[in-house]
Amino acid sequence: MIQFRILLEKDEDGWFTATVPSLPGCISQGRTEKEAKKNIAEAIELHLKSLAEEGIPLRPENGMTETFVAVNV
């Protein structure tokens, strides 16, 4: 199992848009946050399947890695 960081944004119509920073172009939405999370999980699976079929590696080859750091503010 691989976990992906997603971003959720509520639009002016009240829908939630979900994007995956590490998978450019992978986007979905839902009427609720729960529905958007379910839909983006399906979108991620399809996106990864498409990458595999095209022979495109999951990690970019340019040496970039997405990670997190904590800071006190």
Protein backbone atom coordinates (compact mmCIF):
# COMPACT_ATOMS: atom_id res chain seq x y z
CA MET A 1 0.00 0.00 0.00
CA ILE A 2 1.26 3.47 -0.92
CA GLN A 3 -0.06 6.60 0.76
CA PHE A 4 -0.36 9.83 -1.20
CA ARG A 5 -0.73 13.35 0.15
CA ILE A 6 -3.82 15.00 -1.30
CA LEU A 7 -5.04 18.58 -1.22
CA LEU A 8 -8.74 19.33 -0.74
CA GLU A 9 -10.28 22.66 -1.67
CA LYS A 10 -13.93 23.63 -1.30
CA ASP A 11 -15.12 25.62 -4.32
CA GLU A 12 -17.72 28.37 -4.51
CA ASP A 13 -20.46 25.82 -5.30
CA GLY A 14 -19.66 23.81 -2.17
CA TRP A 15 -17.98 20.90 -3.98
CA PHE A 16 -14.61 19.58 -2.83
CA THR A 17 -11.81 19.34 -5.39
CA ALA A 18 -9.01 16.88 -4.62
CA THR A 19 -5.56 16.96 -6.21
CA VAL A 20 -2.40 14.90 -5.73
CA PRO A 21 0.77 17.04 -5.78
CA SER A 22 3.01 14.07 -6.54
CA LEU A 23 0.82 13.00 -9.49
CA PRO A 24 0.34 16.04 -11.73
CA GLY A 25 -2.98 15.89 -13.55
CA CYS A 26 -4.58 13.54 -11.04
CA ILE A 27 -7.70 15.39 -9.91
CA SER A 28 -11.21 14.53 -8.77
CA GLN A 29 -14.07 16.04 -6.81
CA GLY A 30 -17.06 15.22 -4.64
CA ARG A 31 -20.05 16.84 -2.99
CA THR A 32 -18.56 16.05 0.43
CA GLU A 33 -15.01 15.70 1.73
CA LYS A 34 -15.62 11.96 2.21
CA GLU A 35 -16.86 11.56 -1.37
CA ALA A 36 -13.92 13.58 -2.74
CA LYS A 37 -11.47 11.32 -0.85
CA LYS A 38 -13.16 8.20 -2.22
CA ASN A 39 -13.12 9.60 -5.75
CA ILE A 40 -9.48 10.71 -5.61
CA ALA A 41 -8.47 7.25 -4.36
CA GLU A 42 -10.09 5.77 -7.48
CA ALA A 43 -8.43 8.42 -9.64
CA ILE A 44 -5.02 7.61 -8.13
CA GLU A 45 -5.49 3.91 -8.88
CA LEU A 46 -6.39 4.67 -12.50
CA HIS A 47 -3.52 7.16 -12.81
CA LEU A 48 -1.01 4.61 -11.51
CA LYS A 49 -2.39 1.93 -13.82
CA SER A 50 -1.99 4.30 -16.76
CA LEU A 51 1.60 5.11 -15.76
CA ALA A 52 2.41 1.39 -15.50
CA GLU A 53 0.88 0.67 -18.91
CA GLU A 54 2.95 3.48 -20.44
CA GLY A 55 6.12 2.30 -18.68
CA ILE A 56 6.46 5.61 -16.84
CA PRO A 57 8.19 5.32 -13.45
CA LEU A 58 6.27 6.45 -10.39
CA ARG A 59 9.13 8.53 -9.04
CA PRO A 60 10.47 11.34 -11.19
CA GLU A 61 13.96 10.69 -12.51
CA ASN A 62 15.11 14.26 -11.89
CA GLY A 63 16.11 13.47 -8.30
CA MET A 64 13.23 15.43 -6.74
CA THR A 65 11.53 13.96 -3.70
CA GLU A 66 8.47 15.26 -1.89
CA THR A 67 8.77 15.15 1.89
CA PHE A 68 7.69 17.09 4.97
CA VAL A 69 9.47 19.03 7.70
CA ALA A 70 8.09 20.48 10.92
CA VAL A 71 8.81 24.00 12.17
CA ASN A 72 7.75 25.89 15.28
CA VAL A 73 5.85 29.09 14.64
